Amino acid sequence: MKAIGMFIFMAIVSLLLRTTLLAGLASHGIVVDVLVLATVAWSLKQRDAWGATFGFILGLAADIDTAHWVGRHALALSLLGYGVGRLSTTLVRDSILTQLVLFAVATALHQLWAAAFDASGSAVNVGWLAGRVALATITTAPFGVLVLMIPRLFSSRRSYGNASGSSSAG
């Protein structure tokens, strides 16, 4: 029951941040992909099945909120959640470098996926889209690592630990 409560809380907070505070930053050119940040963080902790479910629900809610192609974010975040969840069974999840790489790769993939939809049907500057993907990757990855470091400052126990067991555990 505690996991479902955190599931709902994290999804709502992510969507609220996306549509309020981070939308204001995006208008000034600073892009933080909070959808990827939440999906990767959840998938590291809860593994592949919950990661894919969280990514799908969060992505579907984001698709409905922004009134564009329904399923655009849902599919991408679902696949990212599953992939990161599978990798979390073989990686040292508390490693800052591992988290940085996971956030960077996931953000770049999600932004490329979104850019493909933005570029379809109209003349779009490819350089601008590449810059947006790079900027989102450069800002989201370190920010995600910082967010995951906050619980470590207040607790002596490990947040995620090393890889262990099968991917169906959780």
N, C-alpha and C. Protein backbone atom coordinates (compact mmCIF):
# COMPACT_ATOMS: atom_id res chain seq x y z
N MET A 1 0.82 -1.18 0.00
CA MET A 1 0.00 0.00 0.00
C MET A 1 0.87 1.26 0.00
N LYS A 2 2.00 1.18 0.71
CA LYS A 2 2.90 2.32 0.77
C LYS A 2 3.47 2.65 -0.62
N ALA A 3 3.78 1.60 -1.40
CA ALA A 3 4.34 1.80 -2.74
C ALA A 3 3.31 2.46 -3.66
N ILE A 4 2.05 2.10 -3.54
CA ILE A 4 1.02 2.70 -4.39
C ILE A 4 0.82 4.16 -4.02
N GLY A 5 0.87 4.46 -2.74
CA GLY A 5 0.77 5.86 -2.30
C GLY A 5 1.92 6.70 -2.83
N MET A 6 3.12 6.16 -2.77
CA MET A 6 4.28 6.89 -3.31
C MET A 6 4.19 7.01 -4.83
N PHE A 7 3.66 5.99 -5.47
CA PHE A 7 3.45 5.99 -6.92
C PHE A 7 2.57 7.18 -7.31
N ILE A 8 1.44 7.31 -6.66
CA ILE A 8 0.50 8.39 -6.96
C ILE A 8 1.10 9.74 -6.60
N PHE A 9 1.73 9.84 -5.43
CA PHE A 9 2.33 11.10 -4.98
C PHE A 9 3.41 11.57 -5.95
N MET A 10 4.30 10.66 -6.34
CA MET A 10 5.40 11.03 -7.24
C MET A 10 4.89 11.44 -8.62
N ALA A 11 3.86 10.77 -9.11
CA ALA A 11 3.28 11.13 -10.40
C ALA A 11 2.64 12.51 -10.35
N ILE A 12 1.90 12.80 -9.30
CA ILE A 12 1.24 14.10 -9.18
C ILE A 12 2.26 15.22 -9.02
N VAL A 13 3.26 15.01 -8.19
CA VAL A 13 4.29 16.04 -8.00
C VAL A 13 5.04 16.29 -9.31
N SER A 14 5.36 15.24 -10.03
CA SER A 14 6.07 15.39 -11.31
C SER A 14 5.25 16.20 -12.31
N LEU A 15 3.97 15.88 -12.41
CA LEU A 15 3.11 16.62 -13.34
C LEU A 15 2.93 18.06 -12.92
N LEU A 16 2.79 18.31 -11.62
CA LEU A 16 2.66 19.70 -11.15
C LEU A 16 3.94 20.50 -11.40
N LEU A 17 5.08 19.90 -11.13
CA LEU A 17 6.35 20.59 -11.41
C LEU A 17 6.49 20.90 -12.90
N ARG A 18 6.08 19.95 -13.73
CA ARG A 18 6.20 20.12 -15.18
C ARG A 18 5.35 21.27 -15.69
N THR A 19 4.15 21.40 -15.15
CA THR A 19 3.24 22.41 -15.67
C THR A 19 3.34 23.76 -14.95
N THR A 20 4.10 23.83 -13.87
CA THR A 20 4.21 25.11 -13.16
C THR A 20 5.64 25.63 -13.19
N LEU A 21 6.43 25.22 -12.25
CA LEU A 21 7.79 25.75 -12.08
C LEU A 21 8.69 25.49 -13.29
N LEU A 22 8.71 24.26 -13.77
CA LEU A 22 9.62 23.92 -14.86
C LEU A 22 9.15 24.48 -16.20
N ALA A 23 7.86 24.75 -16.36
CA ALA A 23 7.37 25.40 -17.57
C ALA A 23 7.90 26.83 -17.66
N GLY A 24 8.00 27.49 -16.51
CA GLY A 24 8.58 28.83 -16.47
C GLY A 24 10.06 28.81 -16.82
N LEU A 25 10.78 27.83 -16.33
CA LEU A 25 12.19 27.71 -16.69
C LEU A 25 12.37 27.41 -18.17
N ALA A 26 11.50 26.57 -18.72
CA ALA A 26 11.57 26.21 -20.13
C ALA A 26 11.35 27.43 -21.02
N SER A 27 10.52 28.35 -20.57
CA SER A 27 10.29 29.56 -21.37
C SER A 27 11.54 30.44 -21.41
N HIS A 28 12.46 30.24 -20.47
CA HIS A 28 13.73 30.97 -20.48
C HIS A 28 14.87 30.15 -21.07
N GLY A 29 14.53 28.97 -21.62
CA GLY A 29 15.53 28.15 -22.30
C GLY A 29 16.15 27.06 -21.46
N ILE A 30 15.75 26.93 -20.21
CA ILE A 30 16.30 25.89 -19.34
C ILE A 30 15.31 24.74 -19.30
N VAL A 31 15.70 23.61 -19.87
CA VAL A 31 14.80 22.46 -19.99
C VAL A 31 15.25 21.37 -19.02
N VAL A 32 14.37 21.03 -18.08
CA VAL A 32 14.59 19.90 -17.18
C VAL A 32 13.45 18.92 -17.44
N ASP A 33 13.79 17.74 -17.89
CA ASP A 33 12.80 16.72 -18.24
C ASP A 33 12.39 15.96 -16.98
N VAL A 34 11.43 16.51 -16.26
CA VAL A 34 11.01 15.92 -14.99
C VAL A 34 10.31 14.58 -15.20
N LEU A 35 9.73 14.35 -16.37
CA LEU A 35 9.10 13.06 -16.63
C LEU A 35 10.15 11.95 -16.64
N VAL A 36 11.26 12.19 -17.29
CA VAL A 36 12.35 11.21 -17.31
C VAL A 36 12.97 11.08 -15.93
N LEU A 37 13.15 12.20 -15.26
CA LEU A 37 13.74 12.18 -13.92
C LEU A 37 12.92 11.29 -12.99
N ALA A 38 11.60 11.47 -12.99
CA ALA A 38 10.74 10.67 -12.11
C ALA A 38 10.72 9.20 -12.54
N THR A 39 10.67 8.95 -13.84
CA THR A 39 10.61 7.57 -14.32
C THR A 39 11.90 6.81 -14.01
N VAL A 40 13.04 7.43 -14.22
CA VAL A 40 14.32 6.77 -13.93
C VAL A 40 14.46 6.53 -12.43
N ALA A 41 14.13 7.52 -11.62
CA ALA A 41 14.25 7.36 -10.17
C ALA A 41 13.34 6.23 -9.68
N TRP A 42 12.10 6.19 -10.18
CA TRP A 42 11.16 5.15 -9.77
C TRP A 42 11.65 3.78 -10.25
N SER A 43 12.15 3.70 -11.46
CA SER A 43 12.60 2.42 -12.03
C SER A 43 13.83 1.88 -11.32
N LEU A 44 14.71 2.76 -10.88
CA LEU A 44 15.88 2.30 -10.12
C LEU A 44 15.46 1.65 -8.81
N LYS A 45 14.45 2.19 -8.19
CA LYS A 45 14.00 1.69 -6.89
C LYS A 45 13.08 0.48 -7.02
N GLN A 46 12.15 0.52 -7.98
CA GLN A 46 11.09 -0.48 -8.03
C GLN A 46 11.26 -1.54 -9.12
N ARG A 47 12.27 -1.42 -9.94
CA ARG A 47 12.60 -2.39 -11.00
C ARG A 47 11.73 -2.24 -12.24
N ASP A 48 11.79 -3.25 -13.12
CA ASP A 48 11.26 -3.12 -14.48
C ASP A 48 9.74 -3.06 -14.60
N ALA A 49 9.01 -3.93 -13.95
CA ALA A 49 7.55 -3.94 -14.11
C ALA A 49 6.92 -2.66 -13.58
N TRP A 50 7.31 -2.27 -12.38
CA TRP A 50 6.79 -1.03 -11.82
C TRP A 50 7.32 0.18 -12.58
N GLY A 51 8.54 0.10 -13.08
CA GLY A 51 9.10 1.20 -13.86
C GLY A 51 8.33 1.44 -15.14
N ALA A 52 7.99 0.36 -15.83
CA ALA A 52 7.21 0.48 -17.06
C ALA A 52 5.80 0.99 -16.77
N THR A 53 5.20 0.51 -15.70
CA THR A 53 3.86 0.96 -15.32
C THR A 53 3.88 2.44 -14.95
N PHE A 54 4.85 2.83 -14.14
CA PHE A 54 4.95 4.24 -13.74
C PHE A 54 5.17 5.13 -14.96
N GLY A 55 6.08 4.72 -15.84
CA GLY A 55 6.35 5.50 -17.04
C GLY A 55 5.11 5.64 -17.91
N PHE A 56 4.36 4.56 -18.05
CA PHE A 56 3.15 4.60 -18.88
C PHE A 56 2.10 5.53 -18.28
N ILE A 57 1.82 5.39 -16.99
CA ILE A 57 0.80 6.21 -16.34
C ILE A 57 1.22 7.68 -16.34
N LEU A 58 2.47 7.96 -16.01
CA LEU A 58 2.96 9.34 -16.01
C LEU A 58 2.94 9.92 -17.42
N GLY A 59 3.36 9.15 -18.39
CA GLY A 59 3.37 9.61 -19.78
C GLY A 59 1.97 9.85 -20.31
N LEU A 60 1.04 8.96 -19.98
CA LEU A 60 -0.34 9.13 -20.43
C LEU A 60 -0.96 10.38 -19.81
N ALA A 61 -0.71 10.60 -18.53
CA ALA A 61 -1.21 11.82 -17.88
C ALA A 61 -0.59 13.07 -18.50
N ALA A 62 0.69 13.01 -18.84
CA ALA A 62 1.34 14.16 -19.48
C ALA A 62 0.78 14.39 -20.88
N ASP A 63 0.50 13.31 -21.61
CA ASP A 63 -0.10 13.44 -22.94
C ASP A 63 -1.48 14.09 -22.87
N ILE A 64 -2.27 13.67 -21.94
CA ILE A 64 -3.61 14.25 -21.78
C ILE A 64 -3.52 15.70 -21.35
N ASP A 65 -2.57 16.00 -20.48
CA ASP A 65 -2.40 17.36 -19.97
C ASP A 65 -1.99 18.35 -21.06
N THR A 66 -1.15 17.92 -21.99
CA THR A 66 -0.64 18.84 -23.00
C THR A 66 -1.42 18.84 -24.29
N ALA A 67 -2.43 18.01 -24.39
CA ALA A 67 -3.35 17.99 -25.54
C ALA A 67 -2.64 17.83 -26.88
N HIS A 68 -1.81 16.81 -26.98
CA HIS A 68 -1.22 16.44 -28.27
C HIS A 68 -1.41 14.94 -28.45
N TRP A 69 -0.69 14.35 -29.35
CA TRP A 69 -0.86 12.93 -29.65
C TRP A 69 -0.87 12.11 -28.36
N VAL A 70 -1.96 11.46 -28.08
CA VAL A 70 -2.04 10.63 -26.88
C VAL A 70 -1.19 9.39 -27.11
N GLY A 71 -0.31 9.13 -26.20
CA GLY A 71 0.57 7.99 -26.29
C GLY A 71 2.01 8.35 -26.61
N ARG A 72 2.24 9.60 -26.97
CA ARG A 72 3.58 10.03 -27.33
C ARG A 72 4.56 9.87 -26.17
N HIS A 73 4.22 10.42 -25.03
CA HIS A 73 5.09 10.27 -23.85
C HIS A 73 4.88 8.91 -23.19
N ALA A 74 3.66 8.39 -23.25
CA ALA A 74 3.36 7.13 -22.57
C ALA A 74 4.24 5.99 -23.09
N LEU A 75 4.37 5.88 -24.40
CA LEU A 75 5.18 4.81 -24.97
C LEU A 75 6.65 4.99 -24.62
N ALA A 76 7.16 6.19 -24.81
CA ALA A 76 8.59 6.43 -24.56
C ALA A 76 8.94 6.21 -23.10
N LEU A 77 8.14 6.75 -22.19
CA LEU A 77 8.46 6.60 -20.76
C LEU A 77 8.26 5.18 -20.27
N SER A 78 7.30 4.48 -20.86
CA SER A 78 7.10 3.08 -20.50
C SER A 78 8.32 2.24 -20.89
N LEU A 79 8.82 2.45 -22.08
CA LEU A 79 10.01 1.72 -22.52
C LEU A 79 11.25 2.11 -21.71
N LEU A 80 11.38 3.40 -21.42
CA LEU A 80 12.52 3.86 -20.59
C LEU A 80 12.43 3.26 -19.18
N GLY A 81 11.23 3.25 -18.61
CA GLY A 81 11.05 2.68 -17.27
C GLY A 81 11.40 1.20 -17.24
N TYR A 82 10.98 0.49 -18.26
CA TYR A 82 11.30 -0.94 -18.33
C TYR A 82 12.81 -1.15 -18.50
N GLY A 83 13.40 -0.39 -19.41
CA GLY A 83 14.84 -0.54 -19.67
C GLY A 83 15.69 -0.21 -18.45
N VAL A 84 15.40 0.89 -17.80
CA VAL A 84 16.17 1.27 -16.60
C VAL A 84 15.91 0.26 -15.49
N GLY A 85 14.68 -0.20 -15.36
CA GLY A 85 14.38 -1.21 -14.34
C GLY A 85 15.13 -2.51 -14.57
N ARG A 86 15.25 -2.92 -15.82
CA ARG A 86 16.03 -4.13 -16.13
C ARG A 86 17.51 -3.91 -15.84
N LEU A 87 18.01 -2.74 -16.22
CA LEU A 87 19.42 -2.45 -15.95
C LEU A 87 19.71 -2.33 -14.46
N SER A 88 18.72 -1.94 -13.67
CA SER A 88 18.95 -1.76 -12.24
C SER A 88 19.23 -3.07 -11.53
N THR A 89 18.95 -4.20 -12.19
CA THR A 89 19.26 -5.48 -11.58
C THR A 89 20.72 -5.87 -11.78
N THR A 90 21.43 -5.15 -12.65
CA THR A 90 22.82 -5.49 -12.92
C THR A 90 23.80 -4.37 -12.60
N LEU A 91 23.31 -3.21 -12.19
CA LEU A 91 24.17 -2.06 -11.95
C LEU A 91 24.28 -1.73 -10.47
N VAL A 92 25.31 -0.99 -10.12
CA VAL A 92 25.43 -0.44 -8.79
C VAL A 92 24.57 0.83 -8.79
N ARG A 93 23.37 0.71 -8.25
CA ARG A 93 22.39 1.79 -8.37
C ARG A 93 22.70 3.00 -7.51
N ASP A 94 23.53 2.86 -6.49
CA ASP A 94 23.91 4.00 -5.65
C ASP A 94 25.09 4.78 -6.22
N SER A 95 25.67 4.32 -7.30
CA SER A 95 26.80 4.99 -7.92
C SER A 95 26.35 6.28 -8.61
N ILE A 96 27.00 7.37 -8.30
CA ILE A 96 26.66 8.66 -8.90
C ILE A 96 26.90 8.64 -10.41
N LEU A 97 27.98 8.02 -10.82
CA LEU A 97 28.28 7.93 -12.25
C LEU A 97 27.23 7.11 -13.00
N THR A 98 26.80 6.02 -12.41
CA THR A 98 25.75 5.19 -13.02
C THR A 98 24.47 6.00 -13.17
N GLN A 99 24.08 6.71 -12.13
CA GLN A 99 22.87 7.52 -12.17
C GLN A 99 22.99 8.63 -13.22
N LEU A 100 24.15 9.27 -13.29
CA LEU A 100 24.36 10.33 -14.26
C LEU A 100 24.21 9.81 -15.69
N VAL A 101 24.82 8.67 -15.96
CA VAL A 101 24.73 8.07 -17.31
C VAL A 101 23.29 7.66 -17.62
N LEU A 102 22.61 7.04 -16.67
CA LEU A 102 21.22 6.63 -16.90
C LEU A 102 20.32 7.83 -17.17
N PHE A 103 20.47 8.88 -16.38
CA PHE A 103 19.67 10.09 -16.61
C PHE A 103 19.99 10.73 -17.97
N ALA A 104 21.27 10.78 -18.32
CA ALA A 104 21.66 11.40 -19.59
C ALA A 104 21.12 10.62 -20.79
N VAL A 105 21.31 9.32 -20.78
CA VAL A 105 20.85 8.50 -21.90
C VAL A 105 19.32 8.52 -22.00
N ALA A 106 18.64 8.37 -20.88
CA ALA A 106 17.18 8.37 -20.89
C ALA A 106 16.63 9.72 -21.35
N THR A 107 17.23 10.81 -20.89
CA THR A 107 16.78 12.14 -21.31
C THR A 107 17.01 12.36 -22.79
N ALA A 108 18.18 11.98 -23.28
CA ALA A 108 18.47 12.15 -24.70
C ALA A 108 17.49 11.34 -25.55
N LEU A 109 17.22 10.11 -25.17
CA LEU A 109 16.27 9.28 -25.93
C LEU A 109 14.86 9.87 -25.90
N HIS A 110 14.42 10.32 -24.74
CA HIS A 110 13.08 10.89 -24.63
C HIS A 110 12.96 12.19 -25.43
N GLN A 111 13.98 13.02 -25.36
CA GLN A 111 13.95 14.29 -26.10
C GLN A 111 14.03 14.06 -27.61
N LEU A 112 14.80 13.06 -28.04
CA LEU A 112 14.84 12.72 -29.47
C LEU A 112 13.48 12.22 -29.93
N TRP A 113 12.83 11.42 -29.12
CA TRP A 113 11.50 10.92 -29.44
C TRP A 113 10.51 12.09 -29.57
N ALA A 114 10.55 13.01 -28.62
CA ALA A 114 9.65 14.17 -28.67
C ALA A 114 9.99 15.07 -29.85
N ALA A 115 11.27 15.21 -30.16
CA ALA A 115 11.69 16.05 -31.29
C ALA A 115 11.21 15.47 -32.61
N ALA A 116 11.14 14.16 -32.71
CA ALA A 116 10.63 13.54 -33.94
C ALA A 116 9.18 13.93 -34.18
N PHE A 117 8.40 14.05 -33.13
CA PHE A 117 7.02 14.49 -33.28
C PHE A 117 6.94 15.98 -33.57
N ASP A 118 7.82 16.76 -32.95
CA ASP A 118 7.83 18.20 -33.20
C ASP A 118 8.24 18.52 -34.63
N ALA A 119 9.10 17.69 -35.20
CA ALA A 119 9.61 17.96 -36.54
C ALA A 119 8.70 17.42 -37.64
N SER A 120 7.76 16.57 -37.30
CA SER A 120 6.91 15.98 -38.33
C SER A 120 5.88 16.97 -38.83
N GLY A 121 5.75 17.04 -40.15
CA GLY A 121 4.72 17.86 -40.76
C GLY A 121 5.06 19.31 -40.98
N SER A 122 6.23 19.74 -40.57
CA SER A 122 6.58 21.14 -40.78
C SER A 122 8.09 21.29 -40.90
N ALA A 123 8.49 22.44 -41.40
CA ALA A 123 9.92 22.72 -41.53
C ALA A 123 10.44 23.20 -40.17
N VAL A 124 11.30 22.40 -39.58
CA VAL A 124 11.86 22.72 -38.28
C VAL A 124 13.38 22.72 -38.41
N ASN A 125 14.00 23.65 -37.74
CA ASN A 125 15.45 23.76 -37.75
C ASN A 125 16.05 22.59 -36.96
N VAL A 126 16.75 21.71 -37.65
CA VAL A 126 17.34 20.53 -37.01
C VAL A 126 18.39 20.94 -35.97
N GLY A 127 19.11 21.99 -36.24
CA GLY A 127 20.10 22.49 -35.28
C GLY A 127 19.45 22.91 -33.97
N TRP A 128 18.29 23.56 -34.08
CA TRP A 128 17.58 23.98 -32.88
C TRP A 128 17.10 22.77 -32.09
N LEU A 129 16.58 21.76 -32.78
CA LEU A 129 16.13 20.55 -32.10
C LEU A 129 17.29 19.82 -31.43
N ALA A 130 18.43 19.75 -32.11
CA ALA A 130 19.61 19.11 -31.52
C ALA A 130 20.08 19.88 -30.29
N GLY A 131 20.02 21.19 -30.36
CA GLY A 131 20.40 22.01 -29.21
C GLY A 131 19.46 21.79 -28.03
N ARG A 132 18.17 21.65 -28.32
CA ARG A 132 17.19 21.40 -27.26
C ARG A 132 17.44 20.05 -26.59
N VAL A 133 17.75 19.04 -27.39
CA VAL A 133 18.04 17.71 -26.85
C VAL A 133 19.30 17.77 -25.98
N ALA A 134 20.33 18.43 -26.48
CA ALA A 134 21.59 18.54 -25.72
C ALA A 134 21.39 19.32 -24.43
N LEU A 135 20.66 20.42 -24.50
CA LEU A 135 20.43 21.23 -23.30
C LEU A 135 19.63 20.46 -22.25
N ALA A 136 18.60 19.76 -22.68
CA ALA A 136 17.80 18.98 -21.74
C ALA A 136 18.65 17.88 -21.10
N THR A 137 19.51 17.26 -21.88
CA THR A 137 20.37 16.20 -21.35
C THR A 137 21.37 16.77 -20.35
N ILE A 138 21.97 17.90 -20.69
CA ILE A 138 22.97 18.52 -19.82
C ILE A 138 22.36 19.03 -18.51
N THR A 139 21.12 19.49 -18.55
CA THR A 139 20.50 20.00 -17.32
C THR A 139 19.83 18.91 -16.49
N THR A 140 19.19 17.95 -17.14
CA THR A 140 18.43 16.94 -16.39
C THR A 140 19.33 15.94 -15.68
N ALA A 141 20.39 15.49 -16.33
CA ALA A 141 21.24 14.45 -15.73
C ALA A 141 21.86 14.90 -14.39
N PRO A 142 22.55 16.04 -14.33
CA PRO A 142 23.10 16.44 -13.02
C PRO A 142 22.01 16.78 -11.99
N PHE A 143 20.91 17.37 -12.46
CA PHE A 143 19.81 17.69 -11.55
C PHE A 143 19.22 16.41 -10.97
N GLY A 144 19.07 15.38 -11.79
CA GLY A 144 18.55 14.11 -11.31
C GLY A 144 19.45 13.48 -10.27
N VAL A 145 20.76 13.54 -10.50
CA VAL A 145 21.71 12.99 -9.52
C VAL A 145 21.61 13.76 -8.21
N LEU A 146 21.49 15.09 -8.29
CA LEU A 146 21.34 15.90 -7.07
C LEU A 146 20.07 15.54 -6.31
N VAL A 147 18.98 15.34 -7.03
CA VAL A 147 17.72 14.96 -6.38
C VAL A 147 17.86 13.61 -5.68
N LEU A 148 18.55 12.67 -6.31
CA LEU A 148 18.72 11.35 -5.69
C LEU A 148 19.72 11.39 -4.53
N MET A 149 20.55 12.42 -4.47
CA MET A 149 21.52 12.53 -3.37
C MET A 149 20.88 13.08 -2.09
N ILE A 150 19.77 13.78 -2.21
CA ILE A 150 19.15 14.40 -1.04
C ILE A 150 18.81 13.39 0.05
N PRO A 151 18.17 12.25 -0.25
CA PRO A 151 17.89 11.29 0.83
C PRO A 151 19.16 10.75 1.49
N ARG A 152 20.24 10.65 0.75
CA ARG A 152 21.50 10.14 1.32
C ARG A 152 22.07 11.08 2.37
N LEU A 153 21.78 12.37 2.25
CA LEU A 153 22.30 13.33 3.22
C LEU A 153 21.65 13.17 4.59
N PHE A 154 20.42 12.69 4.63
CA PHE A 154 19.67 12.59 5.86
C PHE A 154 19.55 11.17 6.39
N SER A 155 20.14 10.21 5.70
CA SER A 155 20.04 8.82 6.11
C SER A 155 21.39 8.14 5.96
N SER A 156 21.68 7.26 6.90
CA SER A 156 22.95 6.53 6.80
C SER A 156 22.82 5.27 5.95
N ARG A 157 21.59 4.83 5.68
CA ARG A 157 21.43 3.61 4.87
C ARG A 157 21.44 3.95 3.39
N ARG A 158 21.75 2.97 2.59
CA ARG A 158 21.81 3.14 1.14
C ARG A 158 20.41 3.28 0.56
N SER A 159 20.27 4.16 -0.42
CA SER A 159 18.97 4.38 -1.03
C SER A 159 18.57 3.22 -1.92
N TYR A 160 19.50 2.77 -2.74
CA TYR A 160 19.18 1.75 -3.74
C TYR A 160 19.97 0.48 -3.55
N GLY A 161 21.21 0.57 -3.17
CA GLY A 161 22.04 -0.61 -3.01
C GLY A 161 22.59 -1.12 -4.33
N ASN A 162 23.23 -2.26 -4.26
CA ASN A 162 23.78 -2.89 -5.45
C ASN A 162 22.73 -3.76 -6.11
N ALA A 163 23.05 -4.23 -7.29
CA ALA A 163 22.14 -5.13 -8.00
C ALA A 163 21.97 -6.40 -7.20
N SER A 164 20.74 -6.88 -7.17
CA SER A 164 20.50 -8.12 -6.45
C SER A 164 19.25 -8.79 -6.95
N GLY A 165 19.26 -10.07 -6.99
CA GLY A 165 18.08 -10.84 -7.28
C GLY A 165 17.53 -10.70 -8.68
N SER A 166 16.33 -11.16 -8.84
CA SER A 166 15.68 -11.13 -10.15
C SER A 166 14.91 -9.83 -10.33
N SER A 167 14.52 -9.58 -11.58
CA SER A 167 13.82 -8.33 -11.88
C SER A 167 12.38 -8.34 -11.43
N SER A 168 11.86 -9.49 -11.04
CA SER A 168 10.47 -9.54 -10.61
C SER A 168 10.32 -9.24 -9.12
N ALA A 169 11.43 -9.08 -8.41
CA ALA A 169 11.37 -8.75 -7.00
C ALA A 169 10.94 -7.30 -6.84
N GLY A 170 10.26 -6.97 -5.78
CA GLY A 170 9.91 -5.57 -5.57
C GLY A 170 8.72 -5.48 -4.84
